[in-house]
Amino acid sequence: DILQRTGGFVSAPGPRGDYHRLPHGLPIE
């Protein structure tokens, strides 16, 4: 919840369970 609210991370399914990632295409900064 903190990752999603404060960092803009989104949930994604992975081979060992869900993980969180930033959206594609964000500039490095």
mmCIF file of all heavy atoms, coordinates in Angstrom:
data_MODEL
# 
_entry.id   MODEL 
# 
loop_
_atom_site.group_PDB 
_atom_site.id 
_atom_site.type_symbol 
_atom_site.label_atom_id 
_atom_site.label_alt_id 
_atom_site.label_comp_id 
_atom_site.label_asym_id 
_atom_site.label_entity_id 
_atom_site.label_seq_id 
_atom_site.pdbx_PDB_ins_code 
_atom_site.Cartn_x 
_atom_site.Cartn_y 
_atom_site.Cartn_z 
_atom_site.occupancy 
_atom_site.B_iso_or_equiv 
_atom_site.pdbx_formal_charge 
_atom_site.auth_seq_id 
_atom_site.auth_comp_id 
_atom_site.auth_asym_id 
_atom_site.auth_atom_id 
_atom_site.pdbx_PDB_model_num 
ATOM 1   N N   . ASP A 1 1  ? 0.832  -1.207  0.000   1.00 0.00 ? 1  ASP A N   1 
ATOM 2   C CA  . ASP A 1 1  ? 0.000  0.000   0.000   1.00 0.00 ? 1  ASP A CA  1 
ATOM 3   C C   . ASP A 1 1  ? 0.865  1.256   0.000   1.00 0.00 ? 1  ASP A C   1 
ATOM 4   O O   . ASP A 1 1  ? 0.603  2.200   -0.742  1.00 0.00 ? 1  ASP A O   1 
ATOM 5   C CB  . ASP A 1 1  ? -0.921 -0.024  1.222   1.00 0.00 ? 1  ASP A CB  1 
ATOM 6   C CG  . ASP A 1 1  ? -1.862 1.155   1.255   1.00 0.00 ? 1  ASP A CG  1 
ATOM 7   O OD1 . ASP A 1 1  ? -2.558 1.381   0.238   1.00 0.00 ? 1  ASP A OD1 1 
ATOM 8   O OD2 . ASP A 1 1  ? -1.899 1.854   2.287   1.00 0.00 ? 1  ASP A OD2 1 
ATOM 9   N N   . ILE A 1 2  ? 1.929  1.262   0.790   1.00 0.00 ? 2  ILE A N   1 
ATOM 10  C CA  . ILE A 1 2  ? 2.828  2.418   0.853   1.00 0.00 ? 2  ILE A CA  1 
ATOM 11  C C   . ILE A 1 2  ? 3.539  2.610   -0.486  1.00 0.00 ? 2  ILE A C   1 
ATOM 12  O O   . ILE A 1 2  ? 3.664  3.733   -0.976  1.00 0.00 ? 2  ILE A O   1 
ATOM 13  C CB  . ILE A 1 2  ? 3.838  2.246   2.006   1.00 0.00 ? 2  ILE A CB  1 
ATOM 14  C CG1 . ILE A 1 2  ? 3.107  2.331   3.349   1.00 0.00 ? 2  ILE A CG1 1 
ATOM 15  C CG2 . ILE A 1 2  ? 4.947  3.294   1.926   1.00 0.00 ? 2  ILE A CG2 1 
ATOM 16  C CD1 . ILE A 1 2  ? 3.943  1.921   4.539   1.00 0.00 ? 2  ILE A CD1 1 
ATOM 17  N N   . LEU A 1 3  ? 3.995  1.517   -1.087  1.00 0.00 ? 3  LEU A N   1 
ATOM 18  C CA  . LEU A 1 3  ? 4.661  1.600   -2.395  1.00 0.00 ? 3  LEU A CA  1 
ATOM 19  C C   . LEU A 1 3  ? 3.737  2.213   -3.443  1.00 0.00 ? 3  LEU A C   1 
ATOM 20  O O   . LEU A 1 3  ? 4.158  3.045   -4.250  1.00 0.00 ? 3  LEU A O   1 
ATOM 21  C CB  . LEU A 1 3  ? 5.112  0.215   -2.855  1.00 0.00 ? 3  LEU A CB  1 
ATOM 22  C CG  . LEU A 1 3  ? 6.340  -0.370  -2.171  1.00 0.00 ? 3  LEU A CG  1 
ATOM 23  C CD1 . LEU A 1 3  ? 6.447  -1.862  -2.450  1.00 0.00 ? 3  LEU A CD1 1 
ATOM 24  C CD2 . LEU A 1 3  ? 7.590  0.354   -2.626  1.00 0.00 ? 3  LEU A CD2 1 
ATOM 25  N N   . GLN A 1 4  ? 2.491  1.804   -3.422  1.00 0.00 ? 4  GLN A N   1 
ATOM 26  C CA  . GLN A 1 4  ? 1.535  2.293   -4.410  1.00 0.00 ? 4  GLN A CA  1 
ATOM 27  C C   . GLN A 1 4  ? 1.156  3.749   -4.165  1.00 0.00 ? 4  GLN A C   1 
ATOM 28  O O   . GLN A 1 4  ? 1.104  4.553   -5.100  1.00 0.00 ? 4  GLN A O   1 
ATOM 29  C CB  . GLN A 1 4  ? 0.290  1.402   -4.418  1.00 0.00 ? 4  GLN A CB  1 
ATOM 30  C CG  . GLN A 1 4  ? 0.567  0.025   -4.955  1.00 0.00 ? 4  GLN A CG  1 
ATOM 31  C CD  . GLN A 1 4  ? -0.574 -0.952  -4.713  1.00 0.00 ? 4  GLN A CD  1 
ATOM 32  O OE1 . GLN A 1 4  ? -1.633 -0.573  -4.223  1.00 0.00 ? 4  GLN A OE1 1 
ATOM 33  N NE2 . GLN A 1 4  ? -0.344 -2.212  -5.041  1.00 0.00 ? 4  GLN A NE2 1 
ATOM 34  N N   . ARG A 1 5  ? 0.906  4.114   -2.908  1.00 0.00 ? 5  ARG A N   1 
ATOM 35  C CA  . ARG A 1 5  ? 0.453  5.474   -2.595  1.00 0.00 ? 5  ARG A CA  1 
ATOM 36  C C   . ARG A 1 5  ? 1.565  6.506   -2.693  1.00 0.00 ? 5  ARG A C   1 
ATOM 37  O O   . ARG A 1 5  ? 1.372  7.584   -3.231  1.00 0.00 ? 5  ARG A O   1 
ATOM 38  C CB  . ARG A 1 5  ? -0.162 5.530   -1.197  1.00 0.00 ? 5  ARG A CB  1 
ATOM 39  C CG  . ARG A 1 5  ? -1.576 5.005   -1.128  1.00 0.00 ? 5  ARG A CG  1 
ATOM 40  C CD  . ARG A 1 5  ? -2.236 5.206   0.231   1.00 0.00 ? 5  ARG A CD  1 
ATOM 41  N NE  . ARG A 1 5  ? -1.539 4.472   1.287   1.00 0.00 ? 5  ARG A NE  1 
ATOM 42  C CZ  . ARG A 1 5  ? -0.785 5.045   2.251   1.00 0.00 ? 5  ARG A CZ  1 
ATOM 43  N NH1 . ARG A 1 5  ? -0.661 6.346   2.305   1.00 0.00 ? 5  ARG A NH1 1 
ATOM 44  N NH2 . ARG A 1 5  ? -0.193 4.319   3.163   1.00 0.00 ? 5  ARG A NH2 1 
ATOM 45  N N   . THR A 1 6  ? 2.752  6.191   -2.172  1.00 0.00 ? 6  THR A N   1 
ATOM 46  C CA  . THR A 1 6  ? 3.805  7.205   -2.118  1.00 0.00 ? 6  THR A CA  1 
ATOM 47  C C   . THR A 1 6  ? 4.766  7.148   -3.288  1.00 0.00 ? 6  THR A C   1 
ATOM 48  O O   . THR A 1 6  ? 5.370  8.161   -3.629  1.00 0.00 ? 6  THR A O   1 
ATOM 49  C CB  . THR A 1 6  ? 4.626  7.096   -0.813  1.00 0.00 ? 6  THR A CB  1 
ATOM 50  O OG1 . THR A 1 6  ? 5.286  5.831   -0.780  1.00 0.00 ? 6  THR A OG1 1 
ATOM 51  C CG2 . THR A 1 6  ? 3.741  7.261   0.397   1.00 0.00 ? 6  THR A CG2 1 
ATOM 52  N N   . GLY A 1 7  ? 4.937  5.978   -3.892  1.00 0.00 ? 7  GLY A N   1 
ATOM 53  C CA  . GLY A 1 7  ? 5.913  5.857   -4.966  1.00 0.00 ? 7  GLY A CA  1 
ATOM 54  C C   . GLY A 1 7  ? 5.340  5.664   -6.343  1.00 0.00 ? 7  GLY A C   1 
ATOM 55  O O   . GLY A 1 7  ? 6.060  5.708   -7.333  1.00 0.00 ? 7  GLY A O   1 
ATOM 56  N N   . GLY A 1 8  ? 4.040  5.409   -6.427  1.00 0.00 ? 8  GLY A N   1 
ATOM 57  C CA  . GLY A 1 8  ? 3.440  5.186   -7.736  1.00 0.00 ? 8  GLY A CA  1 
ATOM 58  C C   . GLY A 1 8  ? 3.735  3.810   -8.309  1.00 0.00 ? 8  GLY A C   1 
ATOM 59  O O   . GLY A 1 8  ? 3.608  3.596   -9.517  1.00 0.00 ? 8  GLY A O   1 
ATOM 60  N N   . PHE A 1 9  ? 4.126  2.859   -7.451  1.00 0.00 ? 9  PHE A N   1 
ATOM 61  C CA  . PHE A 1 9  ? 4.389  1.493   -7.909  1.00 0.00 ? 9  PHE A CA  1 
ATOM 62  C C   . PHE A 1 9  ? 3.074  0.809   -8.245  1.00 0.00 ? 9  PHE A C   1 
ATOM 63  O O   . PHE A 1 9  ? 2.021  1.147   -7.693  1.00 0.00 ? 9  PHE A O   1 
ATOM 64  C CB  . PHE A 1 9  ? 5.101  0.696   -6.814  1.00 0.00 ? 9  PHE A CB  1 
ATOM 65  C CG  . PHE A 1 9  ? 6.573  1.005   -6.677  1.00 0.00 ? 9  PHE A CG  1 
ATOM 66  C CD1 . PHE A 1 9  ? 6.993  2.179   -6.077  1.00 0.00 ? 9  PHE A CD1 1 
ATOM 67  C CD2 . PHE A 1 9  ? 7.528  0.133   -7.158  1.00 0.00 ? 9  PHE A CD2 1 
ATOM 68  C CE1 . PHE A 1 9  ? 8.336  2.476   -5.949  1.00 0.00 ? 9  PHE A CE1 1 
ATOM 69  C CE2 . PHE A 1 9  ? 8.882  0.423   -7.038  1.00 0.00 ? 9  PHE A CE2 1 
ATOM 70  C CZ  . PHE A 1 9  ? 9.284  1.595   -6.431  1.00 0.00 ? 9  PHE A CZ  1 
ATOM 71  N N   . VAL A 1 10 ? 3.132  -0.135  -9.166  1.00 0.00 ? 10 VAL A N   1 
ATOM 72  C CA  . VAL A 1 10 ? 1.964  -0.942  -9.527  1.00 0.00 ? 10 VAL A CA  1 
ATOM 73  C C   . VAL A 1 10 ? 2.287  -2.403  -9.250  1.00 0.00 ? 10 VAL A C   1 
ATOM 74  O O   . VAL A 1 10 ? 3.436  -2.824  -9.327  1.00 0.00 ? 10 VAL A O   1 
ATOM 75  C CB  . VAL A 1 10 ? 1.563  -0.755  -11.012 1.00 0.00 ? 10 VAL A CB  1 
ATOM 76  C CG1 . VAL A 1 10 ? 1.090  0.661   -11.267 1.00 0.00 ? 10 VAL A CG1 1 
ATOM 77  C CG2 . VAL A 1 10 ? 2.708  -1.096  -11.938 1.00 0.00 ? 10 VAL A CG2 1 
ATOM 78  N N   . SER A 1 11 ? 1.262  -3.175  -8.911  1.00 0.00 ? 11 SER A N   1 
ATOM 79  C CA  . SER A 1 11 ? 1.437  -4.607  -8.678  1.00 0.00 ? 11 SER A CA  1 
ATOM 80  C C   . SER A 1 11 ? 1.548  -5.334  -10.003 1.00 0.00 ? 11 SER A C   1 
ATOM 81  O O   . SER A 1 11 ? 0.892  -4.965  -10.980 1.00 0.00 ? 11 SER A O   1 
ATOM 82  C CB  . SER A 1 11 ? 0.259  -5.185  -7.891  1.00 0.00 ? 11 SER A CB  1 
ATOM 83  O OG  . SER A 1 11 ? 0.261  -4.684  -6.594  1.00 0.00 ? 11 SER A OG  1 
ATOM 84  N N   . ALA A 1 12 ? 2.380  -6.368  -10.001 1.00 0.00 ? 12 ALA A N   1 
ATOM 85  C CA  . ALA A 1 12 ? 2.534  -7.192  -11.200 1.00 0.00 ? 12 ALA A CA  1 
ATOM 86  C C   . ALA A 1 12 ? 2.723  -8.638  -10.767 1.00 0.00 ? 12 ALA A C   1 
ATOM 87  O O   . ALA A 1 12 ? 3.404  -8.903  -9.776  1.00 0.00 ? 12 ALA A O   1 
ATOM 88  C CB  . ALA A 1 12 ? 3.733  -6.723  -12.015 1.00 0.00 ? 12 ALA A CB  1 
ATOM 89  N N   . PRO A 1 13 ? 2.116  -9.575  -11.491 1.00 0.00 ? 13 PRO A N   1 
ATOM 90  C CA  . PRO A 1 13 ? 2.294  -10.984 -11.130 1.00 0.00 ? 13 PRO A CA  1 
ATOM 91  C C   . PRO A 1 13 ? 3.683  -11.462 -11.551 1.00 0.00 ? 13 PRO A C   1 
ATOM 92  O O   . PRO A 1 13 ? 4.179  -11.111 -12.612 1.00 0.00 ? 13 PRO A O   1 
ATOM 93  C CB  . PRO A 1 13 ? 1.198  -11.695 -11.927 1.00 0.00 ? 13 PRO A CB  1 
ATOM 94  C CG  . PRO A 1 13 ? 0.942  -10.790 -13.087 1.00 0.00 ? 13 PRO A CG  1 
ATOM 95  C CD  . PRO A 1 13 ? 1.215  -9.396  -12.612 1.00 0.00 ? 13 PRO A CD  1 
ATOM 96  N N   . GLY A 1 14 ? 4.301  -12.226 -10.695 1.00 0.00 ? 14 GLY A N   1 
ATOM 97  C CA  . GLY A 1 14 ? 5.617  -12.774 -10.997 1.00 0.00 ? 14 GLY A CA  1 
ATOM 98  C C   . GLY A 1 14 ? 5.626  -14.268 -10.797 1.00 0.00 ? 14 GLY A C   1 
ATOM 99  O O   . GLY A 1 14 ? 4.658  -14.843 -10.279 1.00 0.00 ? 14 GLY A O   1 
ATOM 100 N N   . PRO A 1 15 ? 6.694  -14.934 -11.179 1.00 0.00 ? 15 PRO A N   1 
ATOM 101 C CA  . PRO A 1 15 ? 6.758  -16.393 -11.064 1.00 0.00 ? 15 PRO A CA  1 
ATOM 102 C C   . PRO A 1 15 ? 6.740  -16.880 -9.613  1.00 0.00 ? 15 PRO A C   1 
ATOM 103 O O   . PRO A 1 15 ? 6.346  -18.006 -9.337  1.00 0.00 ? 15 PRO A O   1 
ATOM 104 C CB  . PRO A 1 15 ? 8.078  -16.756 -11.737 1.00 0.00 ? 15 PRO A CB  1 
ATOM 105 C CG  . PRO A 1 15 ? 8.870  -15.494 -11.753 1.00 0.00 ? 15 PRO A CG  1 
ATOM 106 C CD  . PRO A 1 15 ? 7.897  -14.373 -11.763 1.00 0.00 ? 15 PRO A CD  1 
ATOM 107 N N   . ARG A 1 16 ? 7.131  -16.030 -8.671  1.00 0.00 ? 16 ARG A N   1 
ATOM 108 C CA  . ARG A 1 16 ? 7.141  -16.410 -7.254  1.00 0.00 ? 16 ARG A CA  1 
ATOM 109 C C   . ARG A 1 16 ? 6.171  -15.559 -6.431  1.00 0.00 ? 16 ARG A C   1 
ATOM 110 O O   . ARG A 1 16 ? 6.378  -15.349 -5.250  1.00 0.00 ? 16 ARG A O   1 
ATOM 111 C CB  . ARG A 1 16 ? 8.552  -16.277 -6.699  1.00 0.00 ? 16 ARG A CB  1 
ATOM 112 C CG  . ARG A 1 16 ? 9.513  -17.251 -7.330  1.00 0.00 ? 16 ARG A CG  1 
ATOM 113 C CD  . ARG A 1 16 ? 10.869 -17.186 -6.657  1.00 0.00 ? 16 ARG A CD  1 
ATOM 114 N NE  . ARG A 1 16 ? 11.759 -18.132 -7.283  1.00 0.00 ? 16 ARG A NE  1 
ATOM 115 C CZ  . ARG A 1 16 ? 12.697 -17.809 -8.156  1.00 0.00 ? 16 ARG A CZ  1 
ATOM 116 N NH1 . ARG A 1 16 ? 12.880 -16.550 -8.496  1.00 0.00 ? 16 ARG A NH1 1 
ATOM 117 N NH2 . ARG A 1 16 ? 13.466 -18.740 -8.670  1.00 0.00 ? 16 ARG A NH2 1 
ATOM 118 N N   . GLY A 1 17 ? 5.165  -15.036 -7.077  1.00 0.00 ? 17 GLY A N   1 
ATOM 119 C CA  . GLY A 1 17 ? 4.192  -14.191 -6.395  1.00 0.00 ? 17 GLY A CA  1 
ATOM 120 C C   . GLY A 1 17 ? 4.264  -12.764 -6.910  1.00 0.00 ? 17 GLY A C   1 
ATOM 121 O O   . GLY A 1 17 ? 5.123  -12.420 -7.717  1.00 0.00 ? 17 GLY A O   1 
ATOM 122 N N   . ASP A 1 18 ? 3.361  -11.950 -6.421  1.00 0.00 ? 18 ASP A N   1 
ATOM 123 C CA  . ASP A 1 18 ? 3.308  -10.564 -6.884  1.00 0.00 ? 18 ASP A CA  1 
ATOM 124 C C   . ASP A 1 18 ? 4.546  -9.783  -6.460  1.00 0.00 ? 18 ASP A C   1 
ATOM 125 O O   . ASP A 1 18 ? 5.138  -10.050 -5.419  1.00 0.00 ? 18 ASP A O   1 
ATOM 126 C CB  . ASP A 1 18 ? 2.069  -9.861  -6.325  1.00 0.00 ? 18 ASP A CB  1 
ATOM 127 C CG  . ASP A 1 18 ? 0.793  -10.324 -6.996  1.00 0.00 ? 18 ASP A CG  1 
ATOM 128 O OD1 . ASP A 1 18 ? 0.873  -11.044 -8.012  1.00 0.00 ? 18 ASP A OD1 1 
ATOM 129 O OD2 . ASP A 1 18 ? -0.295 -9.966  -6.505  1.00 0.00 ? 18 ASP A OD2 1 
ATOM 130 N N   . TYR A 1 19 ? 4.920  -8.843  -7.282  1.00 0.00 ? 19 TYR A N   1 
ATOM 131 C CA  . TYR A 1 19 ? 5.965  -7.883  -6.952  1.00 0.00 ? 19 TYR A CA  1 
ATOM 132 C C   . TYR A 1 19 ? 5.439  -6.524  -7.372  1.00 0.00 ? 19 TYR A C   1 
ATOM 133 O O   . TYR A 1 19 ? 4.339  -6.401  -7.893  1.00 0.00 ? 19 TYR A O   1 
ATOM 134 C CB  . TYR A 1 19 ? 7.293  -8.230  -7.646  1.00 0.00 ? 19 TYR A CB  1 
ATOM 135 C CG  . TYR A 1 19 ? 7.270  -8.069  -9.147  1.00 0.00 ? 19 TYR A CG  1 
ATOM 136 C CD1 . TYR A 1 19 ? 7.732  -6.908  -9.748  1.00 0.00 ? 19 TYR A CD1 1 
ATOM 137 C CD2 . TYR A 1 19 ? 6.789  -9.078  -9.977  1.00 0.00 ? 19 TYR A CD2 1 
ATOM 138 C CE1 . TYR A 1 19 ? 7.702  -6.750  -11.133 1.00 0.00 ? 19 TYR A CE1 1 
ATOM 139 C CE2 . TYR A 1 19 ? 6.760  -8.935  -11.348 1.00 0.00 ? 19 TYR A CE2 1 
ATOM 140 C CZ  . TYR A 1 19 ? 7.218  -7.771  -11.915 1.00 0.00 ? 19 TYR A CZ  1 
ATOM 141 O OH  . TYR A 1 19 ? 7.192  -7.618  -13.275 1.00 0.00 ? 19 TYR A OH  1 
ATOM 142 N N   . HIS A 1 20 ? 6.201  -5.504  -7.118  1.00 0.00 ? 20 HIS A N   1 
ATOM 143 C CA  . HIS A 1 20 ? 5.770  -4.153  -7.454  1.00 0.00 ? 20 HIS A CA  1 
ATOM 144 C C   . HIS A 1 20 ? 6.816  -3.518  -8.348  1.00 0.00 ? 20 HIS A C   1 
ATOM 145 O O   . HIS A 1 20 ? 8.017  -3.763  -8.197  1.00 0.00 ? 20 HIS A O   1 
ATOM 146 C CB  . HIS A 1 20 ? 5.558  -3.328  -6.185  1.00 0.00 ? 20 HIS A CB  1 
ATOM 147 C CG  . HIS A 1 20 ? 4.592  -3.986  -5.262  1.00 0.00 ? 20 HIS A CG  1 
ATOM 148 N ND1 . HIS A 1 20 ? 3.230  -3.924  -5.446  1.00 0.00 ? 20 HIS A ND1 1 
ATOM 149 C CD2 . HIS A 1 20 ? 4.788  -4.768  -4.190  1.00 0.00 ? 20 HIS A CD2 1 
ATOM 150 C CE1 . HIS A 1 20 ? 2.639  -4.625  -4.517  1.00 0.00 ? 20 HIS A CE1 1 
ATOM 151 N NE2 . HIS A 1 20 ? 3.564  -5.155  -3.733  1.00 0.00 ? 20 HIS A NE2 1 
ATOM 152 N N   . ARG A 1 21 ? 6.368  -2.703  -9.282  1.00 0.00 ? 21 ARG A N   1 
ATOM 153 C CA  . ARG A 1 21 ? 7.294  -2.044  -10.208 1.00 0.00 ? 21 ARG A CA  1 
ATOM 154 C C   . ARG A 1 21 ? 6.768  -0.662  -10.538 1.00 0.00 ? 21 ARG A C   1 
ATOM 155 O O   . ARG A 1 21 ? 5.578  -0.382  -10.384 1.00 0.00 ? 21 ARG A O   1 
ATOM 156 C CB  . ARG A 1 21 ? 7.452  -2.852  -11.492 1.00 0.00 ? 21 ARG A CB  1 
ATOM 157 C CG  . ARG A 1 21 ? 6.175  -2.951  -12.303 1.00 0.00 ? 21 ARG A CG  1 
ATOM 158 C CD  . ARG A 1 21 ? 6.410  -3.495  -13.691 1.00 0.00 ? 21 ARG A CD  1 
ATOM 159 N NE  . ARG A 1 21 ? 5.170  -3.678  -14.409 1.00 0.00 ? 21 ARG A NE  1 
ATOM 160 C CZ  . ARG A 1 21 ? 4.454  -2.706  -14.961 1.00 0.00 ? 21 ARG A CZ  1 
ATOM 161 N NH1 . ARG A 1 21 ? 4.852  -1.459  -14.878 1.00 0.00 ? 21 ARG A NH1 1 
ATOM 162 N NH2 . ARG A 1 21 ? 3.331  -2.969  -15.607 1.00 0.00 ? 21 ARG A NH2 1 
ATOM 163 N N   . LEU A 1 22 ? 7.684  0.188   -10.974 1.00 0.00 ? 22 LEU A N   1 
ATOM 164 C CA  . LEU A 1 22 ? 7.261  1.490   -11.467 1.00 0.00 ? 22 LEU A CA  1 
ATOM 165 C C   . LEU A 1 22 ? 6.741  1.332   -12.891 1.00 0.00 ? 22 LEU A C   1 
ATOM 166 O O   . LEU A 1 22 ? 7.124  0.391   -13.594 1.00 0.00 ? 22 LEU A O   1 
ATOM 167 C CB  . LEU A 1 22 ? 8.438  2.468   -11.438 1.00 0.00 ? 22 LEU A CB  1 
ATOM 168 C CG  . LEU A 1 22 ? 8.856  2.948   -10.053 1.00 0.00 ? 22 LEU A CG  1 
ATOM 169 C CD1 . LEU A 1 22 ? 10.070 3.869   -10.145 1.00 0.00 ? 22 LEU A CD1 1 
ATOM 170 C CD2 . LEU A 1 22 ? 7.713  3.665   -9.352  1.00 0.00 ? 22 LEU A CD2 1 
ATOM 171 N N   . PRO A 1 23 ? 5.876  2.223   -13.328 1.00 0.00 ? 23 PRO A N   1 
ATOM 172 C CA  . PRO A 1 23 ? 5.352  2.140   -14.701 1.00 0.00 ? 23 PRO A CA  1 
ATOM 173 C C   . PRO A 1 23 ? 6.480  2.208   -15.736 1.00 0.00 ? 23 PRO A C   1 
ATOM 174 O O   . PRO A 1 23 ? 7.525  2.824   -15.502 1.00 0.00 ? 23 PRO A O   1 
ATOM 175 C CB  . PRO A 1 23 ? 4.442  3.357   -14.806 1.00 0.00 ? 23 PRO A CB  1 
ATOM 176 C CG  . PRO A 1 23 ? 4.064  3.685   -13.403 1.00 0.00 ? 23 PRO A CG  1 
ATOM 177 C CD  . PRO A 1 23 ? 5.260  3.320   -12.578 1.00 0.00 ? 23 PRO A CD  1 
ATOM 178 N N   . HIS A 1 24 ? 6.240  1.599   -16.876 1.00 0.00 ? 24 HIS A N   1 
ATOM 179 C CA  . HIS A 1 24 ? 7.196  1.628   -17.984 1.00 0.00 ? 24 HIS A CA  1 
ATOM 180 C C   . HIS A 1 24 ? 7.394  3.051   -18.489 1.00 0.00 ? 24 HIS A C   1 
ATOM 181 O O   . HIS A 1 24 ? 6.473  3.863   -18.454 1.00 0.00 ? 24 HIS A O   1 
ATOM 182 C CB  . HIS A 1 24 ? 6.687  0.778   -19.162 1.00 0.00 ? 24 HIS A CB  1 
ATOM 183 C CG  . HIS A 1 24 ? 6.572  -0.667  -18.857 1.00 0.00 ? 24 HIS A CG  1 
ATOM 184 N ND1 . HIS A 1 24 ? 7.635  -1.522  -18.897 1.00 0.00 ? 24 HIS A ND1 1 
ATOM 185 C CD2 . HIS A 1 24 ? 5.509  -1.410  -18.489 1.00 0.00 ? 24 HIS A CD2 1 
ATOM 186 C CE1 . HIS A 1 24 ? 7.237  -2.737  -18.571 1.00 0.00 ? 24 HIS A CE1 1 
ATOM 187 N NE2 . HIS A 1 24 ? 5.937  -2.698  -18.318 1.00 0.00 ? 24 HIS A NE2 1 
ATOM 188 N N   . GLY A 1 25 ? 8.594  3.345   -18.983 1.00 0.00 ? 25 GLY A N   1 
ATOM 189 C CA  . GLY A 1 25 ? 8.848  4.582   -19.696 1.00 0.00 ? 25 GLY A CA  1 
ATOM 190 C C   . GLY A 1 25 ? 9.097  5.825   -18.861 1.00 0.00 ? 25 GLY A C   1 
ATOM 191 O O   . GLY A 1 25 ? 9.142  6.920   -19.410 1.00 0.00 ? 25 GLY A O   1 
ATOM 192 N N   . LEU A 1 26 ? 9.248  5.680   -17.552 1.00 0.00 ? 26 LEU A N   1 
ATOM 193 C CA  . LEU A 1 26 ? 9.542  6.869   -16.734 1.00 0.00 ? 26 LEU A CA  1 
ATOM 194 C C   . LEU A 1 26 ? 10.984 7.309   -16.949 1.00 0.00 ? 26 LEU A C   1 
ATOM 195 O O   . LEU A 1 26 ? 11.885 6.467   -17.036 1.00 0.00 ? 26 LEU A O   1 
ATOM 196 C CB  . LEU A 1 26 ? 9.350  6.560   -15.242 1.00 0.00 ? 26 LEU A CB  1 
ATOM 197 C CG  . LEU A 1 26 ? 7.941  6.379   -14.731 1.00 0.00 ? 26 LEU A CG  1 
ATOM 198 C CD1 . LEU A 1 26 ? 7.964  5.994   -13.260 1.00 0.00 ? 26 LEU A CD1 1 
ATOM 199 C CD2 . LEU A 1 26 ? 7.148  7.656   -14.921 1.00 0.00 ? 26 LEU A CD2 1 
ATOM 200 N N   . PRO A 1 27 ? 11.245 8.605   -17.003 1.00 0.00 ? 27 PRO A N   1 
ATOM 201 C CA  . PRO A 1 27 ? 12.628 9.082   -17.085 1.00 0.00 ? 27 PRO A CA  1 
ATOM 202 C C   . PRO A 1 27 ? 13.387 8.680   -15.816 1.00 0.00 ? 27 PRO A C   1 
ATOM 203 O O   . PRO A 1 27 ? 12.785 8.505   -14.753 1.00 0.00 ? 27 PRO A O   1 
ATOM 204 C CB  . PRO A 1 27 ? 12.498 10.599  -17.174 1.00 0.00 ? 27 PRO A CB  1 
ATOM 205 C CG  . PRO A 1 27 ? 11.064 10.889  -17.442 1.00 0.00 ? 27 PRO A CG  1 
ATOM 206 C CD  . PRO A 1 27 ? 10.283 9.688   -17.034 1.00 0.00 ? 27 PRO A CD  1 
ATOM 207 N N   . ILE A 1 28 ? 14.704 8.554   -15.919 1.00 0.00 ? 28 ILE A N   1 
ATOM 208 C CA  . ILE A 1 28 ? 15.521 8.088   -14.802 1.00 0.00 ? 28 ILE A CA  1 
ATOM 209 C C   . ILE A 1 28 ? 15.345 8.961   -13.564 1.00 0.00 ? 28 ILE A C   1 
ATOM 210 O O   . ILE A 1 28 ? 15.286 8.456   -12.444 1.00 0.00 ? 28 ILE A O   1 
ATOM 211 C CB  . ILE A 1 28 ? 17.013 7.958   -15.195 1.00 0.00 ? 28 ILE A CB  1 
ATOM 212 C CG1 . ILE A 1 28 ? 17.832 7.346   -14.055 1.00 0.00 ? 28 ILE A CG1 1 
ATOM 213 C CG2 . ILE A 1 28 ? 17.606 9.294   -15.583 1.00 0.00 ? 28 ILE A CG2 1 
ATOM 214 C CD1 . ILE A 1 28 ? 17.523 5.923   -13.751 1.00 0.00 ? 28 ILE A CD1 1 
ATOM 215 N N   . GLU A 1 29 ? 15.219 10.270  -13.741 1.00 0.00 ? 29 GLU A N   1 
ATOM 216 C CA  . GLU A 1 29 ? 15.049 11.151  -12.579 1.00 0.00 ? 29 GLU A CA  1 
ATOM 217 C C   . GLU A 1 29 ? 13.726 10.870  -11.862 1.00 0.00 ? 29 GLU A C   1 
ATOM 218 O O   . GLU A 1 29 ? 13.666 10.919  -10.635 1.00 0.00 ? 29 GLU A O   1 
ATOM 219 C CB  . GLU A 1 29 ? 15.160 12.623  -12.975 1.00 0.00 ? 29 GLU A CB  1 
ATOM 220 C CG  . GLU A 1 29 ? 16.564 13.040  -13.351 1.00 0.00 ? 29 GLU A CG  1 
ATOM 221 C CD  . GLU A 1 29 ? 17.599 12.719  -12.275 1.00 0.00 ? 29 GLU A CD  1 
ATOM 222 O OE1 . GLU A 1 29 ? 17.367 13.045  -11.086 1.00 0.00 ? 29 GLU A OE1 1 
ATOM 223 O OE2 . GLU A 1 29 ? 18.643 12.122  -12.611 1.00 0.00 ? 29 GLU A OE2 1 
# 
